[in-house]
Amino acid sequence: MKKYSANKHHTLSELNITPLLDLAFVLLVIFIITTAPAVNDLDISLPEASSGPKERPSKANYVTVDNAGKIFLNTVEMKEEQQCDSFFW
């Protein structure tokens, strides 16, 4: 006379590993969070600013053409045959 049926023994032989995986992932996360990151302390010599002559910032030049066709460079009227190299430097 059997006390247990074959189906009951079959269900006991299977192991549900989902809770085991959950526990493993939780332990992994806790381990990652609590582990101190590896820090490399390096002596670095940073460059310093030179005290030499400072370069002046470039000036913006504005070219304007009015309704009459006159050309202006920084509010100075220019003629077509006039060279304006001196205004840019």
Protein backbone atom coordinates (compact mmCIF):
# COMPACT_ATOMS: atom_id res chain seq x y z
CA MET A 1 0.00 0.00 0.00
CA LYS A 2 1.41 3.37 -1.10
CA LYS A 3 1.10 6.44 1.04
CA TYR A 4 1.95 8.96 -1.71
CA SER A 5 0.99 9.08 -5.33
CA ALA A 6 3.49 9.45 -8.17
CA ASN A 7 2.31 13.00 -8.99
CA LYS A 8 3.09 14.29 -5.53
CA HIS A 9 6.68 12.97 -5.68
CA HIS A 10 7.10 14.57 -9.10
CA THR A 11 6.21 18.05 -7.83
CA LEU A 12 8.58 17.74 -4.88
CA SER A 13 11.52 16.91 -7.12
CA GLU A 14 11.30 20.26 -8.97
CA LEU A 15 13.08 23.23 -7.43
CA ASN A 16 11.84 26.77 -8.00
CA ILE A 17 14.99 28.91 -8.37
CA THR A 18 13.29 32.30 -8.81
CA PRO A 19 13.60 33.28 -5.12
CA LEU A 20 17.21 32.08 -5.17
CA LEU A 21 17.99 34.32 -8.15
CA ASP A 22 16.26 37.27 -6.45
CA LEU A 23 18.38 36.74 -3.35
CA ALA A 24 21.56 36.51 -5.45
CA PHE A 25 20.79 39.76 -7.28
CA VAL A 26 19.97 41.59 -4.03
CA LEU A 27 23.23 40.41 -2.47
CA LEU A 28 25.12 41.47 -5.61
CA VAL A 29 23.59 44.97 -5.49
CA ILE A 30 24.38 45.32 -1.78
CA PHE A 31 27.95 44.19 -2.42
CA ILE A 32 28.40 46.69 -5.27
CA ILE A 33 26.99 49.58 -3.22
CA THR A 34 28.99 48.87 -0.07
CA THR A 35 32.30 48.27 -1.83
CA ALA A 36 34.45 51.41 -1.82
CA PRO A 37 35.53 52.45 -5.30
CA ALA A 38 39.21 52.17 -6.09
CA VAL A 39 40.70 55.66 -6.10
CA ASN A 40 44.08 56.36 -7.60
CA ASP A 41 45.63 59.40 -5.97
CA LEU A 42 48.05 60.88 -8.46
CA ASP A 43 50.22 63.93 -8.01
CA ILE A 44 49.43 66.15 -10.98
CA SER A 45 51.22 69.38 -11.72
CA LEU A 46 48.73 71.65 -13.41
CA PRO A 47 49.90 74.41 -15.76
CA GLU A 48 49.77 77.95 -14.49
CA ALA A 49 48.79 81.05 -16.39
CA SER A 50 51.70 83.09 -17.69
CA SER A 51 52.08 86.69 -16.66
CA GLY A 52 53.21 87.74 -20.15
CA PRO A 53 51.47 90.25 -22.40
CA LYS A 54 47.82 89.53 -22.84
CA GLU A 55 46.29 89.34 -26.26
CA ARG A 56 43.57 91.90 -26.72
CA PRO A 57 40.26 90.52 -27.90
CA SER A 58 39.42 90.94 -31.55
CA LYS A 59 37.03 93.72 -32.39
CA ALA A 60 33.90 92.99 -34.38
CA ASN A 61 33.58 94.88 -37.66
CA TYR A 62 30.15 95.76 -38.97
CA VAL A 63 29.47 96.31 -42.67
CA THR A 64 26.24 98.17 -43.39
CA VAL A 65 24.58 99.09 -46.68
CA ASP A 66 21.80 101.67 -46.57
CA ASN A 67 18.89 102.20 -49.01
CA ALA A 68 20.90 104.61 -51.16
CA GLY A 69 23.64 102.00 -51.68
CA LYS A 70 26.24 103.65 -49.43
CA ILE A 71 28.61 101.23 -47.71
CA PHE A 72 29.58 101.80 -44.06
CA LEU A 73 32.29 100.02 -42.10
CA ASN A 74 31.81 100.53 -38.35
CA THR A 75 29.76 103.70 -39.01
CA VAL A 76 32.48 105.13 -41.34
CA GLU A 77 31.32 105.68 -44.91
CA MET A 78 33.48 103.80 -47.40
CA LYS A 79 33.81 104.32 -51.13
CA GLU A 80 33.98 101.37 -53.51
CA GLU A 81 37.52 102.14 -54.67
CA GLN A 82 38.81 102.69 -51.13
CA GLN A 83 40.76 99.85 -49.53
CA CYS A 84 39.83 99.09 -45.97
CA ASP A 85 42.73 96.88 -44.86
CA SER A 86 43.65 99.32 -42.12
CA PHE A 87 40.23 98.96 -40.50
CA PHE A 88 40.56 95.21 -40.03
CA TRP A 89 43.91 95.22 -38.21
